[in-house]
Amino acid sequence: LGKQPIIPYTTYQKEQKRKYQHDLSRPQNWQYNAEDDYFIDHQGV
């Protein structure tokens, strides 16, 4: 349709909280290496 949505997704409000942003067990907060395309979780795996 070529329009701009202003529609938050379900977890948008939850992701704005400090507790969520500092929760290293979530994949969204894992360390990512874009050059070699790999993730390292909070345990070092």
All heavy atoms as atom14 arrays in JSON, in Angstrom:
{
  "sequence": "LGKQPIIPYTTYQKEQKRKYQHDLSRPQNWQYNAEDDYFIDHQGV",
  "atom14_mask": [
    [1, 1, 1, 1, 1, 1, 1, 1, 0, 0, 0, 0, 0, 0],
    [1, 1, 1, 1, 0, 0, 0, 0, 0, 0, 0, 0, 0, 0],
    [1, 1, 1, 1, 1, 1, 1, 1, 1, 0, 0, 0, 0, 0],
    [1, 1, 1, 1, 1, 1, 1, 1, 1, 0, 0, 0, 0, 0],
    [1, 1, 1, 1, 1, 1, 1, 0, 0, 0, 0, 0, 0, 0],
    [1, 1, 1, 1, 1, 1, 1, 1, 0, 0, 0, 0, 0, 0],
    [1, 1, 1, 1, 1, 1, 1, 1, 0, 0, 0, 0, 0, 0],
    [1, 1, 1, 1, 1, 1, 1, 0, 0, 0, 0, 0, 0, 0],
    [1, 1, 1, 1, 1, 1, 1, 1, 1, 1, 1, 1, 0, 0],
    [1, 1, 1, 1, 1, 1, 1, 0, 0, 0, 0, 0, 0, 0],
    [1, 1, 1, 1, 1, 1, 1, 0, 0, 0, 0, 0, 0, 0],
    [1, 1, 1, 1, 1, 1, 1, 1, 1, 1, 1, 1, 0, 0],
    [1, 1, 1, 1, 1, 1, 1, 1, 1, 0, 0, 0, 0, 0],
    [1, 1, 1, 1, 1, 1, 1, 1, 1, 0, 0, 0, 0, 0],
    [1, 1, 1, 1, 1, 1, 1, 1, 1, 0, 0, 0, 0, 0],
    [1, 1, 1, 1, 1, 1, 1, 1, 1, 0, 0, 0, 0, 0],
    [1, 1, 1, 1, 1, 1, 1, 1, 1, 0, 0, 0, 0, 0],
    [1, 1, 1, 1, 1, 1, 1, 1, 1, 1, 1, 0, 0, 0],
    [1, 1, 1, 1, 1, 1, 1, 1, 1, 0, 0, 0, 0, 0],
    [1, 1, 1, 1, 1, 1, 1, 1, 1, 1, 1, 1, 0, 0],
    [1, 1, 1, 1, 1, 1, 1, 1, 1, 0, 0, 0, 0, 0],
    [1, 1, 1, 1, 1, 1, 1, 1, 1, 1, 0, 0, 0, 0],
    [1, 1, 1, 1, 1, 1, 1, 1, 0, 0, 0, 0, 0, 0],
    [1, 1, 1, 1, 1, 1, 1, 1, 0, 0, 0, 0, 0, 0],
    [1, 1, 1, 1, 1, 1, 0, 0, 0, 0, 0, 0, 0, 0],
    [1, 1, 1, 1, 1, 1, 1, 1, 1, 1, 1, 0, 0, 0],
    [1, 1, 1, 1, 1, 1, 1, 0, 0, 0, 0, 0, 0, 0],
    [1, 1, 1, 1, 1, 1, 1, 1, 1, 0, 0, 0, 0, 0],
    [1, 1, 1, 1, 1, 1, 1, 1, 0, 0, 0, 0, 0, 0],
    [1, 1, 1, 1, 1, 1, 1, 1, 1, 1, 1, 1, 1, 1],
    [1, 1, 1, 1, 1, 1, 1, 1, 1, 0, 0, 0, 0, 0],
    [1, 1, 1, 1, 1, 1, 1, 1, 1, 1, 1, 1, 0, 0],
    [1, 1, 1, 1, 1, 1, 1, 1, 0, 0, 0, 0, 0, 0],
    [1, 1, 1, 1, 1, 0, 0, 0, 0, 0, 0, 0, 0, 0],
    [1, 1, 1, 1, 1, 1, 1, 1, 1, 0, 0, 0, 0, 0],
    [1, 1, 1, 1, 1, 1, 1, 1, 0, 0, 0, 0, 0, 0],
    [1, 1, 1, 1, 1, 1, 1, 1, 0, 0, 0, 0, 0, 0],
    [1, 1, 1, 1, 1, 1, 1, 1, 1, 1, 1, 1, 0, 0],
    [1, 1, 1, 1, 1, 1, 1, 1, 1, 1, 1, 0, 0, 0],
    [1, 1, 1, 1, 1, 1, 1, 1, 0, 0, 0, 0, 0, 0],
    [1, 1, 1, 1, 1, 1, 1, 1, 0, 0, 0, 0, 0, 0],
    [1, 1, 1, 1, 1, 1, 1, 1, 1, 1, 0, 0, 0, 0],
    [1, 1, 1, 1, 1, 1, 1, 1, 1, 0, 0, 0, 0, 0],
    [1, 1, 1, 1, 0, 0, 0, 0, 0, 0, 0, 0, 0, 0],
    [1, 1, 1, 1, 1, 1, 1, 0, 0, 0, 0, 0, 0, 0]
  ],
  "atom14_positions": [
    [[0.81, -1.22, 0.0], [0.0, 0.0, 0.0], [0.84, 1.27, 0.0], [0.31, 2.35, -0.27], [-0.93, 0.0, 1.22], [-1.86, -1.21, 1.34], [-2.71, -1.11, 2.61], [-2.77, -1.32, 0.12], [0.0, 0.0, 0.0], [0.0, 0.0, 0.0], [0.0, 0.0, 0.0], [0.0, 0.0, 0.0], [0.0, 0.0, 0.0], [0.0, 0.0, 0.0]],
    [[2.11, 1.16, 0.32], [3.0, 2.33, 0.29], [2.69, 3.37, 1.35], [2.88, 4.57, 1.13], [0.0, 0.0, 0.0], [0.0, 0.0, 0.0], [0.0, 0.0, 0.0], [0.0, 0.0, 0.0], [0.0, 0.0, 0.0], [0.0, 0.0, 0.0], [0.0, 0.0, 0.0], [0.0, 0.0, 0.0], [0.0, 0.0, 0.0], [0.0, 0.0, 0.0]],
    [[2.23, 2.95, 2.52], [1.91, 3.87, 3.61], [2.82, 3.64, 4.8], [3.49, 2.61, 4.9], [0.44, 3.68, 4.04], [-0.55, 4.02, 2.94], [-0.48, 5.5, 2.57], [-1.41, 5.83, 1.44], [-1.32, 7.26, 1.05], [0.0, 0.0, 0.0], [0.0, 0.0, 0.0], [0.0, 0.0, 0.0], [0.0, 0.0, 0.0], [0.0, 0.0, 0.0]],
    [[2.82, 4.6, 5.71], [3.64, 4.49, 6.92], [2.77, 4.09, 8.09], [1.88, 4.84, 8.5], [4.32, 5.83, 7.21], [5.15, 5.85, 8.47], [6.29, 4.85, 8.44], [6.98, 4.72, 7.44], [6.5, 4.14, 9.53], [0.0, 0.0, 0.0], [0.0, 0.0, 0.0], [0.0, 0.0, 0.0], [0.0, 0.0, 0.0], [0.0, 0.0, 0.0]],
    [[2.98, 2.91, 8.67], [2.17, 2.51, 9.82], [2.71, 3.09, 11.12], [3.92, 3.14, 11.34], [2.28, 0.98, 9.81], [3.63, 0.72, 9.21], [3.88, 1.83, 8.22], [0.0, 0.0, 0.0], [0.0, 0.0, 0.0], [0.0, 0.0, 0.0], [0.0, 0.0, 0.0], [0.0, 0.0, 0.0], [0.0, 0.0, 0.0], [0.0, 0.0, 0.0]],
    [[1.81, 3.53, 11.97], [2.16, 3.87, 13.35], [1.38, 2.88, 14.21], [0.37, 3.21, 14.83], [1.81, 5.33, 13.68], [2.48, 6.27, 12.67], [2.25, 5.69, 15.09], [2.25, 7.74, 12.94], [0.0, 0.0, 0.0], [0.0, 0.0, 0.0], [0.0, 0.0, 0.0], [0.0, 0.0, 0.0], [0.0, 0.0, 0.0], [0.0, 0.0, 0.0]],
    [[1.87, 1.66, 14.19], [1.2, 0.54, 14.86], [2.24, -0.2, 15.68], [3.1, -0.9, 15.13], [0.56, -0.42, 13.83], [-0.37, 0.34, 12.88], [-0.18, -1.55, 14.53], [-0.9, -0.5, 11.74], [0.0, 0.0, 0.0], [0.0, 0.0, 0.0], [0.0, 0.0, 0.0], [0.0, 0.0, 0.0], [0.0, 0.0, 0.0], [0.0, 0.0, 0.0]],
    [[2.23, -0.08, 16.98], [3.21, -0.82, 17.79], [2.92, -2.32, 17.74], [1.77, -2.74, 17.58], [2.99, -0.26, 19.2], [1.6, 0.25, 19.2], [1.33, 0.73, 17.81], [0.0, 0.0, 0.0], [0.0, 0.0, 0.0], [0.0, 0.0, 0.0], [0.0, 0.0, 0.0], [0.0, 0.0, 0.0], [0.0, 0.0, 0.0], [0.0, 0.0, 0.0]],
    [[3.98, -3.11, 17.87], [3.8, -4.56, 17.95], [3.49, -4.94, 19.4], [3.53, -4.11, 20.31], [5.03, -5.29, 17.42], [6.34, -4.77, 17.94], [6.92, -5.29, 19.08], [7.01, -3.74, 17.27], [8.12, -4.81, 19.56], [8.2, -3.24, 17.75], [8.76, -3.79, 18.89], [9.94, -3.3, 19.37], [0.0, 0.0, 0.0], [0.0, 0.0, 0.0]],
    [[3.18, -6.21, 19.62], [2.64, -6.63, 20.91], [3.58, -6.36, 22.07], [3.15, -5.94, 23.15], [2.29, -8.13, 20.86], [1.5, -8.37, 19.69], [1.5, -8.54, 22.09], [0.0, 0.0, 0.0], [0.0, 0.0, 0.0], [0.0, 0.0, 0.0], [0.0, 0.0, 0.0], [0.0, 0.0, 0.0], [0.0, 0.0, 0.0], [0.0, 0.0, 0.0]],
    [[4.86, -6.6, 21.87], [5.82, -6.48, 22.97], [6.54, -5.13, 22.99], [7.58, -4.99, 23.65], [6.87, -7.6, 22.87], [7.55, -7.51, 21.6], [6.21, -8.97, 22.99], [0.0, 0.0, 0.0], [0.0, 0.0, 0.0], [0.0, 0.0, 0.0], [0.0, 0.0, 0.0], [0.0, 0.0, 0.0], [0.0, 0.0, 0.0], [0.0, 0.0, 0.0]],
    [[6.02, -4.14, 22.28], [6.72, -2.85, 22.19], [6.86, -2.2, 23.55], [7.97, -1.78, 23.94], [5.97, -1.92, 21.23], [6.53, -0.52, 21.21], [7.73, -0.24, 20.54], [5.89, 0.51, 21.88], [8.26, 1.04, 20.54], [6.42, 1.8, 21.88], [7.61, 2.05, 21.21], [8.13, 3.31, 21.22], [0.0, 0.0, 0.0], [0.0, 0.0, 0.0]],
    [[5.78, -2.09, 24.31], [5.84, -1.45, 25.62], [6.74, -2.23, 26.57], [7.47, -1.65, 27.37], [4.42, -1.34, 26.21], [3.51, -0.39, 25.44], [3.97, 1.06, 25.52], [4.73, 1.44, 26.43], [3.54, 1.87, 24.57], [0.0, 0.0, 0.0], [0.0, 0.0, 0.0], [0.0, 0.0, 0.0], [0.0, 0.0, 0.0], [0.0, 0.0, 0.0]],
    [[6.69, -3.54, 26.47], [7.53, -4.38, 27.34], [9.01, -4.17, 27.04], [9.84, -4.16, 27.96], [7.14, -5.84, 27.14], [7.82, -6.8, 28.09], [7.32, -8.22, 27.86], [7.99, -9.2, 28.8], [7.51, -10.58, 28.59], [0.0, 0.0, 0.0], [0.0, 0.0, 0.0], [0.0, 0.0, 0.0], [0.0, 0.0, 0.0], [0.0, 0.0, 0.0]],
    [[9.34, -4.0, 25.77], [10.75, -3.85, 25.39], [11.31, -2.49, 25.8], [12.53, -2.31, 25.8], [10.9, -4.04, 23.88], [10.66, -5.48, 23.43], [10.85, -5.63, 21.93], [11.29, -4.65, 21.28], [10.56, -6.72, 21.4], [0.0, 0.0, 0.0], [0.0, 0.0, 0.0], [0.0, 0.0, 0.0], [0.0, 0.0, 0.0], [0.0, 0.0, 0.0]],
    [[10.46, -1.54, 26.13], [10.95, -0.23, 26.54], [11.4, -0.19, 28.0], [12.05, 0.75, 28.44], [9.86, 0.83, 26.32], [9.3, 0.87, 24.92], [10.37, 0.93, 23.85], [11.24, 1.78, 23.87], [10.31, 0.0, 22.9], [0.0, 0.0, 0.0], [0.0, 0.0, 0.0], [0.0, 0.0, 0.0], [0.0, 0.0, 0.0], [0.0, 0.0, 0.0]],
    [[11.06, -1.23, 28.76], [11.39, -1.26, 30.17], [12.86, -1.64, 30.38], [13.42, -2.43, 29.62], [10.48, -2.23, 30.91], [9.01, -1.82, 30.87], [8.13, -2.78, 31.63], [6.68, -2.33, 31.6], [5.8, -3.29, 32.32], [0.0, 0.0, 0.0], [0.0, 0.0, 0.0], [0.0, 0.0, 0.0], [0.0, 0.0, 0.0], [0.0, 0.0, 0.0]],
    [[13.45, -1.1, 31.41], [14.87, -1.33, 31.69], [15.14, -2.8, 32.02], [16.17, -3.35, 31.64], [15.3, -0.44, 32.86], [16.79, -0.53, 33.19], [17.13, 0.37, 34.34], [16.78, 1.76, 34.06], [16.91, 2.74, 34.94], [17.35, 2.49, 36.16], [16.58, 3.98, 34.62], [0.0, 0.0, 0.0], [0.0, 0.0, 0.0], [0.0, 0.0, 0.0]],
    [[14.2, -3.43, 32.71], [14.38, -4.84, 33.07], [14.53, -5.71, 31.83], [15.36, -6.62, 31.79], [13.2, -5.3, 33.92], [13.26, -6.75, 34.35], [12.06, -7.14, 35.19], [12.13, -8.62, 35.58], [10.95, -9.03, 36.38], [0.0, 0.0, 0.0], [0.0, 0.0, 0.0], [0.0, 0.0, 0.0], [0.0, 0.0, 0.0], [0.0, 0.0, 0.0]],
    [[13.72, -5.43, 30.81], [13.79, -6.21, 29.57], [15.1, -5.94, 28.84], [15.75, -6.86, 28.32], [12.59, -5.85, 28.67], [12.49, -6.68, 27.4], [11.7, -7.81, 27.35], [13.2, -6.32, 26.26], [11.61, -8.58, 26.2], [13.12, -7.06, 25.1], [12.33, -8.19, 25.08], [12.24, -8.95, 23.94], [0.0, 0.0, 0.0], [0.0, 0.0, 0.0]],
    [[15.51, -4.69, 28.78], [16.71, -4.33, 28.03], [17.98, -4.86, 28.68], [19.0, -5.03, 28.0], [16.78, -2.81, 27.89], [15.65, -2.23, 27.06], [15.68, -0.72, 27.04], [16.46, -0.09, 27.76], [14.81, -0.11, 26.23], [0.0, 0.0, 0.0], [0.0, 0.0, 0.0], [0.0, 0.0, 0.0], [0.0, 0.0, 0.0], [0.0, 0.0, 0.0]],
    [[17.94, -5.13, 30.0], [19.12, -5.65, 30.69], [19.03, -7.14, 30.97], [19.88, -7.69, 31.69], [19.34, -4.89, 32.01], [19.76, -3.47, 31.81], [18.88, -2.46, 31.52], [21.0, -2.9, 31.85], [19.54, -1.32, 31.4], [20.83, -1.56, 31.6], [0.0, 0.0, 0.0], [0.0, 0.0, 0.0], [0.0, 0.0, 0.0], [0.0, 0.0, 0.0]],
    [[18.03, -7.79, 30.42], [17.88, -9.24, 30.59], [18.72, -9.95, 29.53], [18.31, -10.07, 28.37], [16.4, -9.63, 30.47], [16.18, -11.1, 30.83], [17.17, -11.81, 31.12], [15.01, -11.55, 30.8], [0.0, 0.0, 0.0], [0.0, 0.0, 0.0], [0.0, 0.0, 0.0], [0.0, 0.0, 0.0], [0.0, 0.0, 0.0], [0.0, 0.0, 0.0]],
    [[19.91, -10.42, 29.92], [20.84, -11.02, 28.96], [20.43, -12.41, 28.53], [21.04, -12.97, 27.6], [22.25, -11.08, 29.59], [22.86, -9.72, 29.94], [24.24, -9.91, 30.57], [22.96, -8.83, 28.7], [0.0, 0.0, 0.0], [0.0, 0.0, 0.0], [0.0, 0.0, 0.0], [0.0, 0.0, 0.0], [0.0, 0.0, 0.0], [0.0, 0.0, 0.0]],
    [[19.44, -13.0, 29.16], [18.99, -14.32, 28.73], [18.15, -14.26, 27.45], [17.89, -15.29, 26.82], [18.17, -14.99, 29.84], [16.99, -14.26, 30.11], [0.0, 0.0, 0.0], [0.0, 0.0, 0.0], [0.0, 0.0, 0.0], [0.0, 0.0, 0.0], [0.0, 0.0, 0.0], [0.0, 0.0, 0.0], [0.0, 0.0, 0.0], [0.0, 0.0, 0.0]],
    [[17.72, -13.06, 27.05], [16.92, -12.91, 25.83], [17.84, -12.78, 24.62], [18.81, -12.02, 24.66], [16.01, -11.68, 25.94], [15.01, -11.79, 27.08], [14.07, -10.61, 27.09], [13.08, -10.75, 28.16], [11.96, -11.45, 28.06], [11.68, -12.07, 26.91], [11.12, -11.53, 29.06], [0.0, 0.0, 0.0], [0.0, 0.0, 0.0], [0.0, 0.0, 0.0]],
    [[17.56, -13.48, 23.53], [18.42, -13.41, 22.33], [18.57, -12.0, 21.78], [19.57, -11.7, 21.13], [17.7, -14.34, 21.35], [16.92, -15.29, 22.2], [16.5, -14.49, 23.4], [0.0, 0.0, 0.0], [0.0, 0.0, 0.0], [0.0, 0.0, 0.0], [0.0, 0.0, 0.0], [0.0, 0.0, 0.0], [0.0, 0.0, 0.0], [0.0, 0.0, 0.0]],
    [[17.54, -11.13, 22.01], [17.63, -9.77, 21.49], [18.79, -9.0, 22.12], [19.29, -8.04, 21.53], [16.31, -9.01, 21.76], [15.12, -9.53, 20.98], [14.41, -10.66, 21.68], [14.97, -11.28, 22.59], [13.2, -10.97, 21.25], [0.0, 0.0, 0.0], [0.0, 0.0, 0.0], [0.0, 0.0, 0.0], [0.0, 0.0, 0.0], [0.0, 0.0, 0.0]],
    [[19.22, -9.43, 23.31], [20.3, -8.73, 24.01], [21.64, -9.45, 23.92], [22.58, -9.08, 24.61], [19.91, -8.53, 25.48], [18.65, -7.71, 25.65], [18.41, -6.78, 24.88], [17.84, -8.04, 26.64], [0.0, 0.0, 0.0], [0.0, 0.0, 0.0], [0.0, 0.0, 0.0], [0.0, 0.0, 0.0], [0.0, 0.0, 0.0], [0.0, 0.0, 0.0]],
    [[21.73, -10.48, 23.1], [23.0, -11.2, 22.95], [23.96, -10.39, 22.09], [23.57, -9.55, 21.28], [22.77, -12.56, 22.29], [22.07, -13.55, 23.19], [21.66, -13.37, 24.46], [21.69, -14.88, 22.83], [21.07, -14.49, 24.95], [21.07, -15.45, 23.96], [21.83, -15.66, 21.69], [20.58, -16.74, 23.97], [21.34, -16.95, 21.7], [20.72, -17.49, 22.84]],
    [[25.23, -10.7, 22.24], [26.27, -10.06, 21.44], [26.25, -10.64, 20.04], [26.21, -11.86, 19.85], [27.64, -10.29, 22.09], [28.79, -9.68, 21.33], [30.13, -10.01, 21.98], [30.17, -10.53, 23.09], [31.21, -9.72, 21.27], [0.0, 0.0, 0.0], [0.0, 0.0, 0.0], [0.0, 0.0, 0.0], [0.0, 0.0, 0.0], [0.0, 0.0, 0.0]],
    [[26.25, -9.77, 19.02], [26.18, -10.24, 17.63], [27.37, -9.71, 16.85], [27.7, -8.52, 16.93], [24.88, -9.77, 16.98], [24.78, -10.14, 15.51], [24.72, -11.47, 15.11], [24.76, -9.15, 14.53], [24.64, -11.8, 13.77], [24.66, -9.46, 13.19], [24.61, -10.8, 12.81], [24.53, -11.13, 11.48], [0.0, 0.0, 0.0], [0.0, 0.0, 0.0]],
    [[27.99, -10.59, 16.07], [29.1, -10.24, 15.2], [28.58, -10.27, 13.76], [28.33, -11.34, 13.21], [30.26, -11.23, 15.37], [31.49, -10.81, 14.61], [31.46, -10.6, 13.41], [32.61, -10.7, 15.31], [0.0, 0.0, 0.0], [0.0, 0.0, 0.0], [0.0, 0.0, 0.0], [0.0, 0.0, 0.0], [0.0, 0.0, 0.0], [0.0, 0.0, 0.0]],
    [[28.39, -9.08, 13.18], [27.81, -9.0, 11.84], [28.77, -9.49, 10.76], [28.36, -10.01, 9.73], [27.38, -7.56, 11.55], [0.0, 0.0, 0.0], [0.0, 0.0, 0.0], [0.0, 0.0, 0.0], [0.0, 0.0, 0.0], [0.0, 0.0, 0.0], [0.0, 0.0, 0.0], [0.0, 0.0, 0.0], [0.0, 0.0, 0.0], [0.0, 0.0, 0.0]],
    [[30.07, -9.32, 11.0], [31.06, -9.7, 9.96], [31.08, -11.2, 9.76], [31.06, -11.68, 8.61], [32.44, -9.18, 10.36], [33.51, -9.45, 9.32], [34.85, -8.86, 9.73], [34.9, -8.16, 10.76], [35.84, -9.12, 9.01], [0.0, 0.0, 0.0], [0.0, 0.0, 0.0], [0.0, 0.0, 0.0], [0.0, 0.0, 0.0], [0.0, 0.0, 0.0]],
    [[31.12, -11.97, 10.84], [31.17, -13.43, 10.73], [29.81, -14.08, 10.97], [29.69, -15.3, 10.89], [32.18, -13.99, 11.74], [33.6, -13.53, 11.44], [33.9, -13.36, 10.25], [34.37, -13.34, 12.39], [0.0, 0.0, 0.0], [0.0, 0.0, 0.0], [0.0, 0.0, 0.0], [0.0, 0.0, 0.0], [0.0, 0.0, 0.0], [0.0, 0.0, 0.0]],
    [[28.79, -13.28, 11.25], [27.41, -13.75, 11.39], [27.29, -14.83, 12.47], [26.97, -15.99, 12.18], [26.88, -14.28, 10.05], [25.36, -14.42, 10.04], [24.71, -13.91, 10.97], [24.83, -15.04, 9.1], [0.0, 0.0, 0.0], [0.0, 0.0, 0.0], [0.0, 0.0, 0.0], [0.0, 0.0, 0.0], [0.0, 0.0, 0.0], [0.0, 0.0, 0.0]],
    [[27.53, -14.43, 13.7], [27.31, -15.37, 14.82], [26.9, -14.59, 16.06], [27.11, -13.38, 16.17], [28.56, -16.21, 15.09], [29.75, -15.44, 15.62], [29.89, -15.17, 16.98], [30.75, -14.99, 14.75], [30.98, -14.46, 17.46], [31.84, -14.29, 15.22], [31.95, -14.02, 16.59], [33.02, -13.32, 17.07], [0.0, 0.0, 0.0], [0.0, 0.0, 0.0]],
    [[26.24, -15.31, 16.99], [25.81, -14.74, 18.27], [26.58, -15.39, 19.41], [27.01, -16.54, 19.3], [24.31, -15.0, 18.5], [23.39, -14.15, 17.65], [23.01, -14.57, 16.39], [22.91, -12.95, 18.12], [22.16, -13.81, 15.61], [22.06, -12.17, 17.35], [21.68, -12.6, 16.09], [0.0, 0.0, 0.0], [0.0, 0.0, 0.0], [0.0, 0.0, 0.0]],
    [[26.73, -14.65, 20.49], [27.29, -15.2, 21.73], [26.31, -14.89, 22.85], [25.97, -13.72, 23.09], [28.67, -14.6, 22.05], [29.67, -14.97, 20.95], [29.17, -15.07, 23.41], [31.06, -14.39, 21.16], [0.0, 0.0, 0.0], [0.0, 0.0, 0.0], [0.0, 0.0, 0.0], [0.0, 0.0, 0.0], [0.0, 0.0, 0.0], [0.0, 0.0, 0.0]],
    [[25.8, -15.92, 23.51], [24.78, -15.69, 24.54], [25.43, -15.23, 25.84], [26.67, -15.05, 25.92], [23.93, -16.95, 24.74], [24.69, -18.07, 25.43], [25.9, -17.91, 25.69], [24.08, -19.12, 25.7], [0.0, 0.0, 0.0], [0.0, 0.0, 0.0], [0.0, 0.0, 0.0], [0.0, 0.0, 0.0], [0.0, 0.0, 0.0], [0.0, 0.0, 0.0]],
    [[24.59, -15.03, 26.87], [25.07, -14.48, 28.13], [25.99, -15.44, 28.88], [26.73, -15.05, 29.78], [23.87, -14.13, 29.03], [23.03, -15.31, 29.4], [22.29, -16.02, 28.47], [22.82, -15.93, 30.59], [21.65, -16.99, 29.07], [21.96, -16.97, 30.35], [0.0, 0.0, 0.0], [0.0, 0.0, 0.0], [0.0, 0.0, 0.0], [0.0, 0.0, 0.0]],
    [[26.0, -16.74, 28.48], [26.88, -17.71, 29.12], [28.19, -17.9, 28.37], [29.08, -18.61, 28.84], [26.17, -19.06, 29.24], [24.93, -19.01, 30.12], [24.16, -20.33, 30.09], [24.09, -20.99, 29.04], [23.6, -20.72, 31.22], [0.0, 0.0, 0.0], [0.0, 0.0, 0.0], [0.0, 0.0, 0.0], [0.0, 0.0, 0.0], [0.0, 0.0, 0.0]],
    [[28.28, -17.27, 27.18], [29.49, -17.38, 26.38], [29.41, -18.41, 25.29], [30.41, -18.65, 24.59], [0.0, 0.0, 0.0], [0.0, 0.0, 0.0], [0.0, 0.0, 0.0], [0.0, 0.0, 0.0], [0.0, 0.0, 0.0], [0.0, 0.0, 0.0], [0.0, 0.0, 0.0], [0.0, 0.0, 0.0], [0.0, 0.0, 0.0], [0.0, 0.0, 0.0]],
    [[28.26, -19.05, 25.08], [28.1, -20.06, 24.03], [27.95, -19.34, 22.69], [27.16, -18.42, 22.55], [26.87, -20.95, 24.3], [26.7, -21.97, 23.18], [27.02, -21.65, 25.65], [0.0, 0.0, 0.0], [0.0, 0.0, 0.0], [0.0, 0.0, 0.0], [0.0, 0.0, 0.0], [0.0, 0.0, 0.0], [0.0, 0.0, 0.0], [0.0, 0.0, 0.0]]
  ]
}
